[in-house]
């Protein structure tokens, strides 16, 4: 597995595998016992993103298992 510093994800644009831009990385959620990434929290680009759960303030909760790749965009399934 590739190691990525959380600081490199800050404000990274997020795109679905369908090519739709979802928003930008706001924060990450980690398991404090294992250090494993649990969620990527994304500030949505629009209100019509319904494929992910959201927090009370509308931030998207993208499960870490849905992350496909990282380059210019964070690509999620």
PDB file of N, CA and C in Angstrom:
ATOM      1  N   UNK A   1       0.839  -1.180   0.000  1.00  0.00           N
ATOM      2  CA  UNK A   1       0.000   0.000   0.000  1.00  0.00           C
ATOM      3  C   UNK A   1       0.884   1.244   0.000  1.00  0.00           C
ATOM      4  N   UNK A   2       0.491   2.246  -0.749  1.00  0.00           N
ATOM      5  CA  UNK A   2       1.236   3.480  -0.852  1.00  0.00           C
ATOM      6  C   UNK A   2       0.979   4.359   0.360  1.00  0.00           C
ATOM      7  N   UNK A   3       2.032   4.981   0.872  1.00  0.00           N
ATOM      8  CA  UNK A   3       1.896   5.917   1.977  1.00  0.00           C
ATOM      9  C   UNK A   3       1.709   7.325   1.419  1.00  0.00           C
ATOM     10  N   UNK A   4       0.695   8.018   1.913  1.00  0.00           N
ATOM     11  CA  UNK A   4       0.408   9.382   1.493  1.00  0.00           C
ATOM     12  C   UNK A   4       0.251  10.231   2.745  1.00  0.00           C
ATOM     13  N   UNK A   5       0.948  11.349   2.814  1.00  0.00           N
ATOM     14  CA  UNK A   5       0.795  12.247   3.945  1.00  0.00           C
ATOM     15  C   UNK A   5      -0.541  12.964   3.853  1.00  0.00           C
ATOM     16  N   UNK A   6      -1.242  13.055   4.977  1.00  0.00           N
ATOM     17  CA  UNK A   6      -2.546  13.716   4.996  1.00  0.00           C
ATOM     18  C   UNK A   6      -2.439  15.159   4.519  1.00  0.00           C
ATOM     19  N   UNK A   7      -1.308  15.798   4.783  1.00  0.00           N
ATOM     20  CA  UNK A   7      -1.150  17.200   4.375  1.00  0.00           C
ATOM     21  C   UNK A   7      -1.178  17.362   2.859  1.00  0.00           C
ATOM     22  N   UNK A   8      -0.834  16.307   2.105  1.00  0.00           N
ATOM     23  CA  UNK A   8      -0.876  16.397   0.645  1.00  0.00           C
ATOM     24  C   UNK A   8      -2.302  16.314   0.109  1.00  0.00           C
ATOM     25  N   UNK A   9      -3.237  15.885   0.948  1.00  0.00           N
ATOM     26  CA  UNK A   9      -4.635  15.775   0.531  1.00  0.00           C
ATOM     27  C   UNK A   9      -5.413  17.066   0.737  1.00  0.00           C
ATOM     28  N   UNK A  10      -4.891  17.953   1.565  1.00  0.00           N
ATOM     29  CA  UNK A  10      -5.596  19.187   1.894  1.00  0.00           C
ATOM     30  C   UNK A  10      -5.954  19.982   0.647  1.00  0.00           C
ATOM     31  N   UNK A  11      -7.225  20.268   0.485  1.00  0.00           N
ATOM     32  CA  UNK A  11      -7.831  21.002  -0.641  1.00  0.00           C
ATOM     33  C   UNK A  11      -7.641  20.329  -2.005  1.00  0.00           C
ATOM     34  N   UNK A  12      -7.289  19.050  -2.020  1.00  0.00           N
ATOM     35  CA  UNK A  12      -7.160  18.296  -3.279  1.00  0.00           C
ATOM     36  C   UNK A  12      -8.548  18.130  -3.887  1.00  0.00           C
ATOM     37  N   UNK A  13      -8.713  18.401  -5.184  1.00  0.00           N
ATOM     38  CA  UNK A  13     -10.019  18.184  -5.811  1.00  0.00           C
ATOM     39  C   UNK A  13     -10.360  16.691  -5.848  1.00  0.00           C
ATOM     40  N   UNK A  14     -11.639  16.399  -5.695  1.00  0.00           N
ATOM     41  CA  UNK A  14     -12.124  15.016  -5.665  1.00  0.00           C
ATOM     42  C   UNK A  14     -13.044  14.803  -6.864  1.00  0.00           C
ATOM     43  N   UNK A  15     -12.806  13.707  -7.579  1.00  0.00           N
ATOM     44  CA  UNK A  15     -13.588  13.380  -8.761  1.00  0.00           C
ATOM     45  C   UNK A  15     -14.055  11.933  -8.682  1.00  0.00           C
ATOM     46  N   UNK A  16     -15.282  11.692  -9.136  1.00  0.00           N
ATOM     47  CA  UNK A  16     -15.797  10.339  -9.219  1.00  0.00           C
ATOM     48  C   UNK A  16     -15.217   9.625 -10.433  1.00  0.00           C
ATOM     49  N   UNK A  17     -15.294   8.308 -10.437  1.00  0.00           N
ATOM     50  CA  UNK A  17     -14.800   7.546 -11.580  1.00  0.00           C
ATOM     51  C   UNK A  17     -15.609   7.828 -12.832  1.00  0.00           C
ATOM     52  N   UNK A  18     -16.776   8.471 -12.672  1.00  0.00           N
ATOM     53  CA  UNK A  18     -17.598   8.859 -13.818  1.00  0.00           C
ATOM     54  C   UNK A  18     -17.187  10.209 -14.404  1.00  0.00           C
ATOM     55  N   UNK A  19     -16.155  10.835 -13.824  1.00  0.00           N
ATOM     56  CA  UNK A  19     -15.657  12.114 -14.329  1.00  0.00           C
ATOM     57  C   UNK A  19     -16.309  13.326 -13.697  1.00  0.00           C
ATOM     58  N   UNK A  20     -17.265  13.115 -12.800  1.00  0.00           N
ATOM     59  CA  UNK A  20     -17.954  14.244 -12.158  1.00  0.00           C
ATOM     60  C   UNK A  20     -17.122  14.753 -10.985  1.00  0.00           C
ATOM     61  N   UNK A  21     -16.862  16.070 -10.957  1.00  0.00           N
ATOM     62  CA  UNK A  21     -16.124  16.662  -9.845  1.00  0.00           C
ATOM     63  C   UNK A  21     -17.052  16.762  -8.644  1.00  0.00           C
ATOM     64  N   UNK A  22     -16.620  16.184  -7.521  1.00  0.00           N
ATOM     65  CA  UNK A  22     -17.455  16.111  -6.328  1.00  0.00           C
ATOM     66  C   UNK A  22     -17.205  17.256  -5.359  1.00  0.00           C
ATOM     67  N   UNK A  23     -15.990  17.776  -5.310  1.00  0.00           N
ATOM     68  CA  UNK A  23     -15.646  18.842  -4.377  1.00  0.00           C
ATOM     69  C   UNK A  23     -14.167  18.812  -4.070  1.00  0.00           C
ATOM     70  N   UNK A  24     -13.819  19.257  -2.850  1.00  0.00           N
ATOM     71  CA  UNK A  24     -12.413  19.267  -2.424  1.00  0.00           C
ATOM     72  C   UNK A  24     -12.281  18.626  -1.049  1.00  0.00           C
ATOM     73  N   UNK A  25     -11.111  18.037  -0.804  1.00  0.00           N
ATOM     74  CA  UNK A  25     -10.845  17.400   0.487  1.00  0.00           C
ATOM     75  C   UNK A  25     -10.845  18.471   1.573  1.00  0.00           C
ATOM     76  N   UNK A  26     -11.608  18.208   2.613  1.00  0.00           N
ATOM     77  CA  UNK A  26     -11.690  19.111   3.760  1.00  0.00           C
ATOM     78  C   UNK A  26     -10.849  18.573   4.914  1.00  0.00           C
ATOM     79  N   UNK A  27     -10.928  17.269   5.145  1.00  0.00           N
ATOM     80  CA  UNK A  27     -10.240  16.639   6.264  1.00  0.00           C
ATOM     81  C   UNK A  27     -10.252  15.134   6.050  1.00  0.00           C
ATOM     82  N   UNK A  28      -9.637  14.415   6.968  1.00  0.00           N
ATOM     83  CA  UNK A  28      -9.664  12.951   6.938  1.00  0.00           C
ATOM     84  C   UNK A  28     -10.028  12.448   8.325  1.00  0.00           C
ATOM     85  N   UNK A  29     -10.537  11.227   8.374  1.00  0.00           N
ATOM     86  CA  UNK A  29     -10.879  10.573   9.628  1.00  0.00           C
ATOM     87  C   UNK A  29     -10.068   9.287   9.712  1.00  0.00           C
ATOM     88  N   UNK A  30      -9.354   9.126  10.824  1.00  0.00           N
ATOM     89  CA  UNK A  30      -8.480   7.970  11.009  1.00  0.00           C
ATOM     90  C   UNK A  30      -8.939   7.135  12.201  1.00  0.00           C
ATOM     91  N   UNK A  31      -8.621   5.849  12.185  1.00  0.00           N
ATOM     92  CA  UNK A  31      -8.810   4.985  13.336  1.00  0.00           C
ATOM     93  C   UNK A  31      -7.620   5.238  14.260  1.00  0.00           C
ATOM     94  N   UNK A  32      -7.871   5.722  15.469  1.00  0.00           N
ATOM     95  CA  UNK A  32      -6.774   6.102  16.360  1.00  0.00           C
ATOM     96  C   UNK A  32      -5.965   4.907  16.861  1.00  0.00           C
ATOM     97  N   UNK A  33      -6.548   3.732  16.866  1.00  0.00           N
ATOM     98  CA  UNK A  33      -5.832   2.549  17.334  1.00  0.00           C
ATOM     99  C   UNK A  33      -4.910   1.963  16.262  1.00  0.00           C
ATOM    100  N   UNK A  34      -5.381   1.955  15.017  1.00  0.00           N
ATOM    101  CA  UNK A  34      -4.604   1.318  13.944  1.00  0.00           C
ATOM    102  C   UNK A  34      -3.906   2.319  13.032  1.00  0.00           C
ATOM    103  N   UNK A  35      -4.383   3.560  13.031  1.00  0.00           N
ATOM    104  CA  UNK A  35      -3.835   4.564  12.115  1.00  0.00           C
ATOM    105  C   UNK A  35      -4.393   4.458  10.713  1.00  0.00           C
ATOM    106  N   UNK A  36      -5.346   3.560  10.508  1.00  0.00           N
ATOM    107  CA  UNK A  36      -5.925   3.362   9.182  1.00  0.00           C
ATOM    108  C   UNK A  36      -6.881   4.501   8.837  1.00  0.00           C
ATOM    109  N   UNK A  37      -6.846   4.926   7.583  1.00  0.00           N
ATOM    110  CA  UNK A  37      -7.760   5.940   7.081  1.00  0.00           C
ATOM    111  C   UNK A  37      -9.161   5.350   7.026  1.00  0.00           C
ATOM    112  N   UNK A  38     -10.145   6.053   7.605  1.00  0.00           N
ATOM    113  CA  UNK A  38     -11.524   5.578   7.575  1.00  0.00           C
ATOM    114  C   UNK A  38     -12.355   6.334   6.554  1.00  0.00           C
ATOM    115  N   UNK A  39     -12.297   7.665   6.607  1.00  0.00           N
ATOM    116  CA  UNK A  39     -13.082   8.501   5.702  1.00  0.00           C
ATOM    117  C   UNK A  39     -12.258   9.675   5.194  1.00  0.00           C
ATOM    118  N   UNK A  40     -12.595  10.106   3.990  1.00  0.00           N
ATOM    119  CA  UNK A  40     -12.131  11.383   3.471  1.00  0.00           C
ATOM    120  C   UNK A  40     -13.347  12.300   3.534  1.00  0.00           C
ATOM    121  N   UNK A  41     -13.215  13.429   4.203  1.00  0.00           N
ATOM    122  CA  UNK A  41     -14.310  14.386   4.327  1.00  0.00           C
ATOM    123  C   UNK A  41     -14.160  15.407   3.213  1.00  0.00           C
ATOM    124  N   UNK A  42     -15.209  15.558   2.422  1.00  0.00           N
ATOM    125  CA  UNK A  42     -15.152  16.373   1.203  1.00  0.00           C
ATOM    126  C   UNK A  42     -16.166  17.504   1.270  1.00  0.00           C
ATOM    127  N   UNK A  43     -15.697  18.731   1.024  1.00  0.00           N
ATOM    128  CA  UNK A  43     -16.606  19.862   0.859  1.00  0.00           C
ATOM    129  C   UNK A  43     -17.213  19.718  -0.531  1.00  0.00           C
ATOM    130  N   UNK A  44     -18.534  19.490  -0.609  1.00  0.00           N
ATOM    131  CA  UNK A  44     -19.154  19.238  -1.919  1.00  0.00           C
ATOM    132  C   UNK A  44     -19.143  20.461  -2.819  1.00  0.00           C
ATOM    133  N   UNK A  45     -18.978  20.204  -4.113  1.00  0.00           N
ATOM    134  CA  UNK A  45     -19.009  21.273  -5.107  1.00  0.00           C
ATOM    135  C   UNK A  45     -20.441  21.757  -5.334  1.00  0.00           C
ATOM    136  N   UNK A  46     -21.405  20.844  -5.221  1.00  0.00           N
ATOM    137  CA  UNK A  46     -22.811  21.208  -5.402  1.00  0.00           C
ATOM    138  C   UNK A  46     -23.670  20.394  -4.446  1.00  0.00           C
ATOM    139  N   UNK A  47     -24.931  20.728  -4.380  1.00  0.00           N
ATOM    140  CA  UNK A  47     -25.858  20.039  -3.475  1.00  0.00           C
ATOM    141  C   UNK A  47     -26.417  18.750  -4.050  1.00  0.00           C
ATOM    142  N   UNK A  48     -26.111  18.432  -5.304  1.00  0.00           N
ATOM    143  CA  UNK A  48     -26.721  17.254  -5.923  1.00  0.00           C
ATOM    144  C   UNK A  48     -25.886  15.980  -5.778  1.00  0.00           C
ATOM    145  N   UNK A  49     -24.882  15.991  -4.903  1.00  0.00           N
ATOM    146  CA  UNK A  49     -24.076  14.790  -4.667  1.00  0.00           C
ATOM    147  C   UNK A  49     -24.778  13.969  -3.593  1.00  0.00           C
ATOM    148  N   UNK A  50     -25.376  12.861  -4.000  1.00  0.00           N
ATOM    149  CA  UNK A  50     -26.171  12.061  -3.066  1.00  0.00           C
ATOM    150  C   UNK A  50     -25.643  10.652  -2.882  1.00  0.00           C
ATOM    151  N   UNK A  51     -24.504  10.340  -3.483  1.00  0.00           N
ATOM    152  CA  UNK A  51     -24.048   8.950  -3.395  1.00  0.00           C
ATOM    153  C   UNK A  51     -23.279   8.633  -2.115  1.00  0.00           C
ATOM    154  N   UNK A  52     -23.046   9.648  -1.258  1.00  0.00           N
ATOM    155  CA  UNK A  52     -22.328   9.449  -0.009  1.00  0.00           C
ATOM    156  C   UNK A  52     -23.137   9.992   1.163  1.00  0.00           C
ATOM    157  N   UNK A  53     -22.880   9.424   2.345  1.00  0.00           N
ATOM    158  CA  UNK A  53     -23.461   9.982   3.557  1.00  0.00           C
ATOM    159  C   UNK A  53     -22.865  11.369   3.770  1.00  0.00           C
ATOM    160  N   UNK A  54     -23.545  12.186   4.549  1.00  0.00           N
ATOM    161  CA  UNK A  54     -23.037  13.517   4.862  1.00  0.00           C
ATOM    162  C   UNK A  54     -23.076  13.764   6.367  1.00  0.00           C
ATOM    163  N   UNK A  55     -22.265  14.721   6.801  1.00  0.00           N
ATOM    164  CA  UNK A  55     -22.305  15.173   8.188  1.00  0.00           C
ATOM    165  C   UNK A  55     -23.448  16.171   8.314  1.00  0.00           C
ATOM    166  N   UNK A  56     -23.708  16.639   9.522  1.00  0.00           N
ATOM    167  CA  UNK A  56     -24.778  17.614   9.751  1.00  0.00           C
ATOM    168  C   UNK A  56     -24.562  18.909   8.971  1.00  0.00           C
ATOM    169  N   UNK A  57     -23.296  19.260   8.707  1.00  0.00           N
ATOM    170  CA  UNK A  57     -23.032  20.503   7.974  1.00  0.00           C
ATOM    171  C   UNK A  57     -22.916  20.294   6.464  1.00  0.00           C
ATOM    172  N   UNK A  58     -23.221  19.078   5.981  1.00  0.00           N
ATOM    173  CA  UNK A  58     -23.235  18.820   4.544  1.00  0.00           C
ATOM    174  C   UNK A  58     -21.947  18.286   3.953  1.00  0.00           C
ATOM    175  N   UNK A  59     -20.928  18.085   4.781  1.00  0.00           N
ATOM    176  CA  UNK A  59     -19.671  17.521   4.307  1.00  0.00           C
ATOM    177  C   UNK A  59     -19.879  16.060   3.917  1.00  0.00           C
ATOM    178  N   UNK A  60     -19.337  15.665   2.765  1.00  0.00           N
ATOM    179  CA  UNK A  60     -19.474  14.279   2.302  1.00  0.00           C
ATOM    180  C   UNK A  60     -18.525  13.365   3.071  1.00  0.00           C
ATOM    181  N   UNK A  61     -19.013  12.200   3.463  1.00  0.00           N
ATOM    182  CA  UNK A  61     -18.186  11.185   4.112  1.00  0.00           C
ATOM    183  C   UNK A  61     -17.875  10.105   3.080  1.00  0.00           C
ATOM    184  N   UNK A  62     -16.678  10.157   2.514  1.00  0.00           N
ATOM    185  CA  UNK A  62     -16.280   9.196   1.493  1.00  0.00           C
ATOM    186  C   UNK A  62     -15.465   8.092   2.171  1.00  0.00           C
ATOM    187  N   UNK A  63     -15.983   6.856   2.199  1.00  0.00           N
ATOM    188  CA  UNK A  63     -15.241   5.759   2.821  1.00  0.00           C
ATOM    189  C   UNK A  63     -13.895   5.546   2.127  1.00  0.00           C
ATOM    190  N   UNK A  64     -12.875   5.295   2.927  1.00  0.00           N
ATOM    191  CA  UNK A  64     -11.520   5.122   2.388  1.00  0.00           C
ATOM    192  C   UNK A  64     -11.465   4.013   1.344  1.00  0.00           C
ATOM    193  N   UNK A  65     -12.283   2.986   1.493  1.00  0.00           N
ATOM    194  CA  UNK A  65     -12.298   1.886   0.541  1.00  0.00           C
ATOM    195  C   UNK A  65     -12.772   2.280  -0.845  1.00  0.00           C
ATOM    196  N   UNK A  66     -13.384   3.436  -0.993  1.00  0.00           N
ATOM    197  CA  UNK A  66     -13.872   3.905  -2.289  1.00  0.00           C
ATOM    198  C   UNK A  66     -12.836   4.735  -3.037  1.00  0.00           C
ATOM    199  N   UNK A  67     -11.707   5.044  -2.376  1.00  0.00           N
ATOM    200  CA  UNK A  67     -10.638   5.811  -3.030  1.00  0.00           C
ATOM    201  C   UNK A  67      -9.921   4.902  -4.021  1.00  0.00           C
ATOM    202  N   UNK A  68      -9.856   5.328  -5.282  1.00  0.00           N
ATOM    203  CA  UNK A  68      -9.243   4.540  -6.345  1.00  0.00           C
ATOM    204  C   UNK A  68      -7.801   4.957  -6.644  1.00  0.00           C
ATOM    205  N   UNK A  69      -7.561   6.270  -6.725  1.00  0.00           N
ATOM    206  CA  UNK A  69      -6.210   6.736  -7.047  1.00  0.00           C
ATOM    207  C   UNK A  69      -6.049   8.191  -6.636  1.00  0.00           C
ATOM    208  N   UNK A  70      -4.799   8.629  -6.654  1.00  0.00           N
ATOM    209  CA  UNK A  70      -4.467   9.995  -6.292  1.00  0.00           C
ATOM    210  C   UNK A  70      -3.420  10.511  -7.261  1.00  0.00           C
ATOM    211  N   UNK A  71      -3.760  11.591  -7.939  1.00  0.00           N
ATOM    212  CA  UNK A  71      -2.829  12.261  -8.830  1.00  0.00           C
ATOM    213  C   UNK A  71      -3.196  13.745  -8.788  1.00  0.00           C
ATOM    214  N   UNK A  72      -3.618  14.312  -9.874  1.00  0.00           N
ATOM    215  CA  UNK A  72      -4.104  15.703  -9.836  1.00  0.00           C
ATOM    216  C   UNK A  72      -5.420  15.776  -9.075  1.00  0.00           C
ATOM    217  N   UNK A  73      -6.188  14.691  -9.091  1.00  0.00           N
ATOM    218  CA  UNK A  73      -7.440  14.557  -8.371  1.00  0.00           C
ATOM    219  C   UNK A  73      -7.364  13.341  -7.474  1.00  0.00           C
ATOM    220  N   UNK A  74      -8.170  13.357  -6.417  1.00  0.00           N
ATOM    221  CA  UNK A  74      -8.425  12.152  -5.642  1.00  0.00           C
ATOM    222  C   UNK A  74      -9.610  11.502  -6.335  1.00  0.00           C
ATOM    223  N   UNK A  75      -9.431  10.313  -6.886  1.00  0.00           N
ATOM    224  CA  UNK A  75     -10.485   9.625  -7.640  1.00  0.00           C
ATOM    225  C   UNK A  75     -11.186   8.631  -6.726  1.00  0.00           C
ATOM    226  N   UNK A  76     -12.533   8.748  -6.666  1.00  0.00           N
ATOM    227  CA  UNK A  76     -13.319   7.849  -5.821  1.00  0.00           C
ATOM    228  C   UNK A  76     -14.375   7.138  -6.654  1.00  0.00           C
ATOM    229  N   UNK A  77     -14.662   5.931  -6.236  1.00  0.00           N
ATOM    230  CA  UNK A  77     -15.643   5.065  -6.900  1.00  0.00           C
ATOM    231  C   UNK A  77     -17.048   5.503  -6.568  1.00  0.00           C
TER     232      UNK A  77
END
